């Protein structure tokens, strides 16, 4: 019977430690940029989904149906391998060869559009959850529809959505792992690299697991005080 030769020390040796730290850095940067882009796009999508115009609502619905219902892995392949081929030749060549870190940039764009579709539904639900009495009072005071959305509906909506948006932030961190399919060397890809070079797969993927858990716990530690500070009394059930 063959026994596995555990060797945790390889994780603290070079170049393995450097690979893990570089993968961690890239994962955090990709997730942070993707989340804030997705939040901006998702806010527009959520507002479109609740607009008065049927055409605008239709555009919002089409965006959500397209990006939310196609698996993210397939979208990664489409953005990286197919989309550049549909562009004019010179532009497509620039995207594939001259764009700054094309794998990372395209992965961030893909992840942003995908997460924006999910966040757009959260924003839509938050807008619809704002009490009608607030809107009626604002109309009675003479505010326009756009002013009501800007100064009343959206501030209340975003404060109520901090818990679900935290979930989306954590999902963004985890979804960065799919970027390895197009050659991005984030945490999971670096773990594969360590396994291939040392043949210690258990240690490599245990390290990746630890890093993902650490990211999640650190994110929750940052967000929970913000959630408590911004909670609207009487509007959300939860911890007092």
C-alpha atoms as a PDB file:
ATOM      1  CA  UNK A   1       0.000   0.000   0.000  1.00  0.00           C
ATOM      2  CA  UNK A   2       1.263   3.455  -0.919  1.00  0.00           C
ATOM      3  CA  UNK A   3       0.976   6.234   1.647  1.00  0.00           C
ATOM      4  CA  UNK A   4       0.776   9.948   0.928  1.00  0.00           C
ATOM      5  CA  UNK A   5       3.845  11.930   1.955  1.00  0.00           C
ATOM      6  CA  UNK A   6       2.493  15.082   3.609  1.00  0.00           C
ATOM      7  CA  UNK A   7       4.747  18.116   3.333  1.00  0.00           C
ATOM      8  CA  UNK A   8       3.156  21.386   4.402  1.00  0.00           C
ATOM      9  CA  UNK A   9       6.486  23.183   4.335  1.00  0.00           C
ATOM     10  CA  UNK A  10       6.372  23.432   0.530  1.00  0.00           C
ATOM     11  CA  UNK A  11       3.709  26.122   0.874  1.00  0.00           C
ATOM     12  CA  UNK A  12       6.202  28.378   2.644  1.00  0.00           C
ATOM     13  CA  UNK A  13       9.028  27.812   0.212  1.00  0.00           C
ATOM     14  CA  UNK A  14       9.783  29.682  -2.993  1.00  0.00           C
ATOM     15  CA  UNK A  15       8.421  29.790  -5.600  1.00  0.00           C
ATOM     16  CA  UNK A  16       5.234  28.209  -4.145  1.00  0.00           C
ATOM     17  CA  UNK A  17       4.677  30.938  -1.548  1.00  0.00           C
ATOM     18  CA  UNK A  18       5.163  33.626  -4.167  1.00  0.00           C
ATOM     19  CA  UNK A  19       2.696  31.925  -6.482  1.00  0.00           C
ATOM     20  CA  UNK A  20       0.037  31.805  -3.758  1.00  0.00           C
ATOM     21  CA  UNK A  21       0.534  35.444  -2.778  1.00  0.00           C
ATOM     22  CA  UNK A  22       0.402  36.577  -6.413  1.00  0.00           C
ATOM     23  CA  UNK A  23      -2.756  34.522  -6.953  1.00  0.00           C
ATOM     24  CA  UNK A  24      -4.296  36.068  -3.830  1.00  0.00           C
ATOM     25  CA  UNK A  25      -3.435  39.580  -5.016  1.00  0.00           C
ATOM     26  CA  UNK A  26      -4.907  38.965  -8.457  1.00  0.00           C
ATOM     27  CA  UNK A  27      -8.074  37.406  -7.020  1.00  0.00           C
ATOM     28  CA  UNK A  28      -8.687  40.381  -4.723  1.00  0.00           C
ATOM     29  CA  UNK A  29      -8.069  42.938  -7.482  1.00  0.00           C
ATOM     30  CA  UNK A  30     -10.283  41.105  -9.987  1.00  0.00           C
ATOM     31  CA  UNK A  31     -13.114  40.639  -7.488  1.00  0.00           C
ATOM     32  CA  UNK A  32     -13.020  44.227  -6.234  1.00  0.00           C
ATOM     33  CA  UNK A  33     -12.994  45.797  -9.701  1.00  0.00           C
ATOM     34  CA  UNK A  34     -15.645  43.387 -10.995  1.00  0.00           C
ATOM     35  CA  UNK A  35     -17.925  43.999  -8.014  1.00  0.00           C
ATOM     36  CA  UNK A  36     -17.940  47.783  -8.285  1.00  0.00           C
ATOM     37  CA  UNK A  37     -18.410  47.671 -12.064  1.00  0.00           C
ATOM     38  CA  UNK A  38     -21.211  45.145 -11.604  1.00  0.00           C
ATOM     39  CA  UNK A  39     -22.837  47.310  -8.927  1.00  0.00           C
ATOM     40  CA  UNK A  40     -22.837  50.336 -11.240  1.00  0.00           C
ATOM     41  CA  UNK A  41     -24.212  48.358 -14.187  1.00  0.00           C
ATOM     42  CA  UNK A  42     -26.626  46.418 -11.975  1.00  0.00           C
ATOM     43  CA  UNK A  43     -28.048  49.639 -10.554  1.00  0.00           C
ATOM     44  CA  UNK A  44     -28.854  50.813 -14.070  1.00  0.00           C
ATOM     45  CA  UNK A  45     -30.357  47.421 -14.914  1.00  0.00           C
ATOM     46  CA  UNK A  46     -32.469  47.396 -11.742  1.00  0.00           C
ATOM     47  CA  UNK A  47     -33.731  50.893 -12.446  1.00  0.00           C
ATOM     48  CA  UNK A  48     -34.508  49.898 -16.027  1.00  0.00           C
ATOM     49  CA  UNK A  49     -36.474  46.878 -14.773  1.00  0.00           C
ATOM     50  CA  UNK A  50     -38.720  49.202 -12.758  1.00  0.00           C
ATOM     51  CA  UNK A  51     -38.989  52.031 -15.298  1.00  0.00           C
ATOM     52  CA  UNK A  52     -42.332  53.299 -16.558  1.00  0.00           C
ATOM     53  CA  UNK A  53     -41.379  52.758 -20.190  1.00  0.00           C
ATOM     54  CA  UNK A  54     -42.190  49.290 -21.482  1.00  0.00           C
ATOM     55  CA  UNK A  55     -39.262  49.472 -23.922  1.00  0.00           C
ATOM     56  CA  UNK A  56     -36.786  50.277 -21.124  1.00  0.00           C
ATOM     57  CA  UNK A  57     -38.211  47.474 -18.980  1.00  0.00           C
ATOM     58  CA  UNK A  58     -37.825  45.138 -21.944  1.00  0.00           C
ATOM     59  CA  UNK A  59     -34.155  46.065 -22.364  1.00  0.00           C
ATOM     60  CA  UNK A  60     -33.544  45.428 -18.678  1.00  0.00           C
ATOM     61  CA  UNK A  61     -35.323  42.081 -18.845  1.00  0.00           C
ATOM     62  CA  UNK A  62     -33.378  41.041 -21.956  1.00  0.00           C
ATOM     63  CA  UNK A  63     -30.051  41.903 -20.329  1.00  0.00           C
ATOM     64  CA  UNK A  64     -30.929  39.930 -17.202  1.00  0.00           C
ATOM     65  CA  UNK A  65     -32.182  36.925 -19.138  1.00  0.00           C
ATOM     66  CA  UNK A  66     -29.105  36.855 -21.349  1.00  0.00           C
ATOM     67  CA  UNK A  67     -26.342  37.230 -18.781  1.00  0.00           C
ATOM     68  CA  UNK A  68     -27.918  35.512 -15.783  1.00  0.00           C
ATOM     69  CA  UNK A  69     -29.087  32.365 -17.533  1.00  0.00           C
ATOM     70  CA  UNK A  70     -25.905  31.529 -19.474  1.00  0.00           C
ATOM     71  CA  UNK A  71     -23.301  29.735 -17.306  1.00  0.00           C
ATOM     72  CA  UNK A  72     -20.382  31.952 -16.394  1.00  0.00           C
ATOM     73  CA  UNK A  73     -17.817  29.448 -17.691  1.00  0.00           C
ATOM     74  CA  UNK A  74     -19.396  29.539 -21.159  1.00  0.00           C
ATOM     75  CA  UNK A  75     -19.440  33.328 -21.046  1.00  0.00           C
ATOM     76  CA  UNK A  76     -15.721  33.327 -20.215  1.00  0.00           C
ATOM     77  CA  UNK A  77     -14.997  31.251 -23.318  1.00  0.00           C
ATOM     78  CA  UNK A  78     -17.264  33.405 -25.497  1.00  0.00           C
ATOM     79  CA  UNK A  79     -15.724  36.685 -24.346  1.00  0.00           C
ATOM     80  CA  UNK A  80     -12.139  35.456 -24.716  1.00  0.00           C
ATOM     81  CA  UNK A  81     -12.232  33.202 -27.784  1.00  0.00           C
ATOM     82  CA  UNK A  82     -15.297  34.257 -29.803  1.00  0.00           C
ATOM     83  CA  UNK A  83     -15.892  37.978 -29.212  1.00  0.00           C
ATOM     84  CA  UNK A  84     -12.461  39.134 -30.556  1.00  0.00           C
ATOM     85  CA  UNK A  85     -13.101  37.167 -33.755  1.00  0.00           C
ATOM     86  CA  UNK A  86     -16.335  39.099 -34.345  1.00  0.00           C
ATOM     87  CA  UNK A  87     -14.557  42.454 -34.225  1.00  0.00           C
ATOM     88  CA  UNK A  88     -12.800  44.095 -37.179  1.00  0.00           C
ATOM     89  CA  UNK A  89      -9.462  42.390 -37.792  1.00  0.00           C
ATOM     90  CA  UNK A  90      -7.223  45.124 -36.403  1.00  0.00           C
ATOM     91  CA  UNK A  91      -9.382  45.659 -33.325  1.00  0.00           C
ATOM     92  CA  UNK A  92      -9.644  41.933 -32.691  1.00  0.00           C
ATOM     93  CA  UNK A  93      -5.872  41.570 -32.953  1.00  0.00           C
ATOM     94  CA  UNK A  94      -5.433  44.442 -30.485  1.00  0.00           C
ATOM     95  CA  UNK A  95      -7.791  42.787 -27.986  1.00  0.00           C
ATOM     96  CA  UNK A  96      -5.959  39.460 -28.201  1.00  0.00           C
ATOM     97  CA  UNK A  97      -2.378  40.727 -28.296  1.00  0.00           C
ATOM     98  CA  UNK A  98      -1.964  44.361 -27.278  1.00  0.00           C
ATOM     99  CA  UNK A  99      -4.654  44.821 -24.618  1.00  0.00           C
ATOM    100  CA  UNK A 100      -3.124  45.125 -21.147  1.00  0.00           C
ATOM    101  CA  UNK A 101      -3.154  41.623 -19.641  1.00  0.00           C
ATOM    102  CA  UNK A 102      -5.962  40.499 -21.988  1.00  0.00           C
ATOM    103  CA  UNK A 103      -6.902  37.398 -19.975  1.00  0.00           C
ATOM    104  CA  UNK A 104      -7.371  39.381 -16.765  1.00  0.00           C
ATOM    105  CA  UNK A 105      -9.121  42.310 -18.454  1.00  0.00           C
ATOM    106  CA  UNK A 106     -11.577  40.111 -20.332  1.00  0.00           C
ATOM    107  CA  UNK A 107     -12.231  38.015 -17.215  1.00  0.00           C
ATOM    108  CA  UNK A 108     -13.068  41.183 -15.261  1.00  0.00           C
ATOM    109  CA  UNK A 109     -15.403  42.417 -18.016  1.00  0.00           C
ATOM    110  CA  UNK A 110     -17.139  39.052 -18.251  1.00  0.00           C
ATOM    111  CA  UNK A 111     -17.521  38.716 -14.489  1.00  0.00           C
ATOM    112  CA  UNK A 112     -18.811  42.295 -14.213  1.00  0.00           C
ATOM    113  CA  UNK A 113     -21.573  41.779 -16.780  1.00  0.00           C
ATOM    114  CA  UNK A 114     -22.540  38.435 -15.257  1.00  0.00           C
ATOM    115  CA  UNK A 115     -22.715  39.719 -11.686  1.00  0.00           C
ATOM    116  CA  UNK A 116     -24.511  42.882 -12.848  1.00  0.00           C
ATOM    117  CA  UNK A 117     -27.415  40.735 -14.030  1.00  0.00           C
ATOM    118  CA  UNK A 118     -27.674  39.166 -10.567  1.00  0.00           C
ATOM    119  CA  UNK A 119     -27.321  42.499  -8.771  1.00  0.00           C
ATOM    120  CA  UNK A 120     -29.859  44.074 -11.091  1.00  0.00           C
ATOM    121  CA  UNK A 121     -32.492  41.704  -9.747  1.00  0.00           C
ATOM    122  CA  UNK A 122     -31.476  42.603  -6.200  1.00  0.00           C
ATOM    123  CA  UNK A 123     -31.782  46.303  -7.023  1.00  0.00           C
ATOM    124  CA  UNK A 124     -35.167  45.740  -8.657  1.00  0.00           C
ATOM    125  CA  UNK A 125     -36.459  43.948  -5.578  1.00  0.00           C
ATOM    126  CA  UNK A 126     -35.064  46.685  -3.339  1.00  0.00           C
ATOM    127  CA  UNK A 127     -36.748  49.444  -5.343  1.00  0.00           C
ATOM    128  CA  UNK A 128     -40.075  47.629  -5.193  1.00  0.00           C
ATOM    129  CA  UNK A 129     -39.642  47.126  -1.428  1.00  0.00           C
ATOM    130  CA  UNK A 130     -39.523  50.873  -0.679  1.00  0.00           C
ATOM    131  CA  UNK A 131     -42.815  51.731   1.071  1.00  0.00           C
ATOM    132  CA  UNK A 132     -45.316  53.430  -1.197  1.00  0.00           C
ATOM    133  CA  UNK A 133     -46.059  55.940   1.547  1.00  0.00           C
ATOM    134  CA  UNK A 134     -42.620  57.485   1.130  1.00  0.00           C
ATOM    135  CA  UNK A 135     -43.196  57.950  -2.594  1.00  0.00           C
ATOM    136  CA  UNK A 136     -46.686  59.386  -2.079  1.00  0.00           C
ATOM    137  CA  UNK A 137     -45.361  61.863   0.495  1.00  0.00           C
ATOM    138  CA  UNK A 138     -42.565  62.902  -1.879  1.00  0.00           C
ATOM    139  CA  UNK A 139     -45.033  63.430  -4.731  1.00  0.00           C
ATOM    140  CA  UNK A 140     -47.241  65.484  -2.448  1.00  0.00           C
ATOM    141  CA  UNK A 141     -44.260  67.671  -1.552  1.00  0.00           C
ATOM    142  CA  UNK A 142     -43.685  68.498  -5.227  1.00  0.00           C
ATOM    143  CA  UNK A 143     -40.689  66.320  -6.075  1.00  0.00           C
ATOM    144  CA  UNK A 144     -40.428  64.943  -9.586  1.00  0.00           C
ATOM    145  CA  UNK A 145     -40.196  61.225 -10.341  1.00  0.00           C
ATOM    146  CA  UNK A 146     -36.463  61.475 -11.085  1.00  0.00           C
ATOM    147  CA  UNK A 147     -35.851  63.402  -7.852  1.00  0.00           C
ATOM    148  CA  UNK A 148     -37.783  60.801  -5.868  1.00  0.00           C
ATOM    149  CA  UNK A 149     -35.649  58.031  -7.326  1.00  0.00           C
ATOM    150  CA  UNK A 150     -32.406  59.914  -6.763  1.00  0.00           C
ATOM    151  CA  UNK A 151     -32.983  61.260  -3.243  1.00  0.00           C
ATOM    152  CA  UNK A 152     -35.433  58.795  -1.667  1.00  0.00           C
ATOM    153  CA  UNK A 153     -35.850  55.457  -3.431  1.00  0.00           C
ATOM    154  CA  UNK A 154     -32.242  54.605  -4.314  1.00  0.00           C
ATOM    155  CA  UNK A 155     -30.673  55.647  -0.958  1.00  0.00           C
ATOM    156  CA  UNK A 156     -33.230  53.556   0.940  1.00  0.00           C
ATOM    157  CA  UNK A 157     -32.902  50.690  -1.532  1.00  0.00           C
ATOM    158  CA  UNK A 158     -29.108  50.508  -1.311  1.00  0.00           C
ATOM    159  CA  UNK A 159     -29.137  50.605   2.486  1.00  0.00           C
ATOM    160  CA  UNK A 160     -31.624  47.748   2.621  1.00  0.00           C
ATOM    161  CA  UNK A 161     -29.577  45.739   0.124  1.00  0.00           C
ATOM    162  CA  UNK A 162     -26.273  45.727   2.013  1.00  0.00           C
ATOM    163  CA  UNK A 163     -26.785  42.107   3.276  1.00  0.00           C
ATOM    164  CA  UNK A 164     -27.666  40.596  -0.139  1.00  0.00           C
ATOM    165  CA  UNK A 165     -24.986  42.677  -1.849  1.00  0.00           C
ATOM    166  CA  UNK A 166     -22.477  41.254   0.631  1.00  0.00           C
ATOM    167  CA  UNK A 167     -23.514  37.815  -0.580  1.00  0.00           C
ATOM    168  CA  UNK A 168     -22.931  38.942  -4.167  1.00  0.00           C
ATOM    169  CA  UNK A 169     -19.493  40.266  -3.216  1.00  0.00           C
ATOM    170  CA  UNK A 170     -18.538  36.878  -1.775  1.00  0.00           C
ATOM    171  CA  UNK A 171     -19.937  35.188  -4.886  1.00  0.00           C
ATOM    172  CA  UNK A 172     -17.756  37.469  -7.007  1.00  0.00           C
ATOM    173  CA  UNK A 173     -14.665  36.330  -5.116  1.00  0.00           C
ATOM    174  CA  UNK A 174     -15.579  32.679  -5.669  1.00  0.00           C
ATOM    175  CA  UNK A 175     -16.470  33.158  -9.331  1.00  0.00           C
ATOM    176  CA  UNK A 176     -12.995  34.502 -10.092  1.00  0.00           C
ATOM    177  CA  UNK A 177     -11.849  30.866  -9.911  1.00  0.00           C
ATOM    178  CA  UNK A 178     -13.487  30.222 -13.303  1.00  0.00           C
ATOM    179  CA  UNK A 179     -11.052  32.650 -14.903  1.00  0.00           C
ATOM    180  CA  UNK A 180      -8.431  29.879 -14.855  1.00  0.00           C
ATOM    181  CA  UNK A 181     -10.254  28.485 -17.908  1.00  0.00           C
ATOM    182  CA  UNK A 182      -8.853  31.340 -20.007  1.00  0.00           C
ATOM    183  CA  UNK A 183      -5.409  31.357 -18.424  1.00  0.00           C
ATOM    184  CA  UNK A 184      -5.763  33.764 -15.487  1.00  0.00           C
ATOM    185  CA  UNK A 185      -3.385  32.737 -12.693  1.00  0.00           C
ATOM    186  CA  UNK A 186      -5.598  33.450  -9.689  1.00  0.00           C
ATOM    187  CA  UNK A 187      -5.692  31.361  -6.491  1.00  0.00           C
ATOM    188  CA  UNK A 188      -7.145  28.174  -8.003  1.00  0.00           C
ATOM    189  CA  UNK A 189      -4.842  28.264 -11.024  1.00  0.00           C
ATOM    190  CA  UNK A 190      -1.855  28.812  -8.756  1.00  0.00           C
ATOM    191  CA  UNK A 191      -2.887  25.770  -6.716  1.00  0.00           C
ATOM    192  CA  UNK A 192      -2.910  23.719  -9.921  1.00  0.00           C
ATOM    193  CA  UNK A 193       0.540  25.119 -10.668  1.00  0.00           C
ATOM    194  CA  UNK A 194       1.854  24.073  -7.252  1.00  0.00           C
ATOM    195  CA  UNK A 195       0.329  20.604  -7.646  1.00  0.00           C
ATOM    196  CA  UNK A 196       1.958  20.160 -11.043  1.00  0.00           C
ATOM    197  CA  UNK A 197       5.392  21.211  -9.823  1.00  0.00           C
ATOM    198  CA  UNK A 198       5.463  19.467  -6.428  1.00  0.00           C
ATOM    199  CA  UNK A 199       2.906  16.633  -6.766  1.00  0.00           C
ATOM    200  CA  UNK A 200       1.420  17.740  -3.430  1.00  0.00           C
ATOM    201  CA  UNK A 201      -2.148  18.418  -4.495  1.00  0.00           C
ATOM    202  CA  UNK A 202      -3.718  18.077  -1.041  1.00  0.00           C
ATOM    203  CA  UNK A 203      -1.528  20.805   0.422  1.00  0.00           C
ATOM    204  CA  UNK A 204      -1.961  23.048  -2.626  1.00  0.00           C
ATOM    205  CA  UNK A 205      -5.747  22.944  -2.630  1.00  0.00           C
ATOM    206  CA  UNK A 206      -5.926  23.094   1.157  1.00  0.00           C
ATOM    207  CA  UNK A 207      -4.044  26.390   0.869  1.00  0.00           C
ATOM    208  CA  UNK A 208      -6.524  27.620  -1.746  1.00  0.00           C
ATOM    209  CA  UNK A 209      -9.417  26.629   0.522  1.00  0.00           C
ATOM    210  CA  UNK A 210      -7.871  28.474   3.453  1.00  0.00           C
ATOM    211  CA  UNK A 211      -7.372  31.627   1.370  1.00  0.00           C
ATOM    212  CA  UNK A 212     -10.977  31.649   0.127  1.00  0.00           C
ATOM    213  CA  UNK A 213     -12.302  31.146   3.666  1.00  0.00           C
ATOM    214  CA  UNK A 214     -10.008  33.887   4.969  1.00  0.00           C
ATOM    215  CA  UNK A 215     -11.224  36.286   2.268  1.00  0.00           C
ATOM    216  CA  UNK A 216     -14.860  35.542   3.146  1.00  0.00           C
ATOM    217  CA  UNK A 217     -14.362  35.993   6.898  1.00  0.00           C
ATOM    218  CA  UNK A 218     -12.383  39.199   6.414  1.00  0.00           C
ATOM    219  CA  UNK A 219     -15.065  40.593   4.093  1.00  0.00           C
ATOM    220  CA  UNK A 220     -17.811  39.784   6.589  1.00  0.00           C
ATOM    221  CA  UNK A 221     -15.822  41.405   9.389  1.00  0.00           C
ATOM    222  CA  UNK A 222     -15.638  44.605   7.312  1.00  0.00           C
ATOM    223  CA  UNK A 223     -19.241  44.631   6.124  1.00  0.00           C
ATOM    224  CA  UNK A 224     -21.153  43.677   9.289  1.00  0.00           C
ATOM    225  CA  UNK A 225     -20.354  46.962  11.121  1.00  0.00           C
ATOM    226  CA  UNK A 226     -21.445  48.887   8.015  1.00  0.00           C
ATOM    227  CA  UNK A 227     -24.666  46.875   7.884  1.00  0.00           C
ATOM    228  CA  UNK A 228     -25.398  47.602  11.543  1.00  0.00           C
ATOM    229  CA  UNK A 229     -24.630  51.302  11.140  1.00  0.00           C
ATOM    230  CA  UNK A 230     -26.818  51.770   8.065  1.00  0.00           C
ATOM    231  CA  UNK A 231     -29.793  49.611   9.078  1.00  0.00           C
ATOM    232  CA  UNK A 232     -33.075  51.490   8.741  1.00  0.00           C
ATOM    233  CA  UNK A 233     -35.095  51.100  11.976  1.00  0.00           C
ATOM    234  CA  UNK A 234     -38.474  49.462  11.437  1.00  0.00           C
ATOM    235  CA  UNK A 235     -37.847  48.549   7.796  1.00  0.00           C
ATOM    236  CA  UNK A 236     -35.814  45.343   8.107  1.00  0.00           C
ATOM    237  CA  UNK A 237     -36.234  42.455  10.463  1.00  0.00           C
ATOM    238  CA  UNK A 238     -32.994  41.260  11.951  1.00  0.00           C
ATOM    239  CA  UNK A 239     -30.678  41.776  14.885  1.00  0.00           C
ATOM    240  CA  UNK A 240     -31.586  44.739  17.075  1.00  0.00           C
END
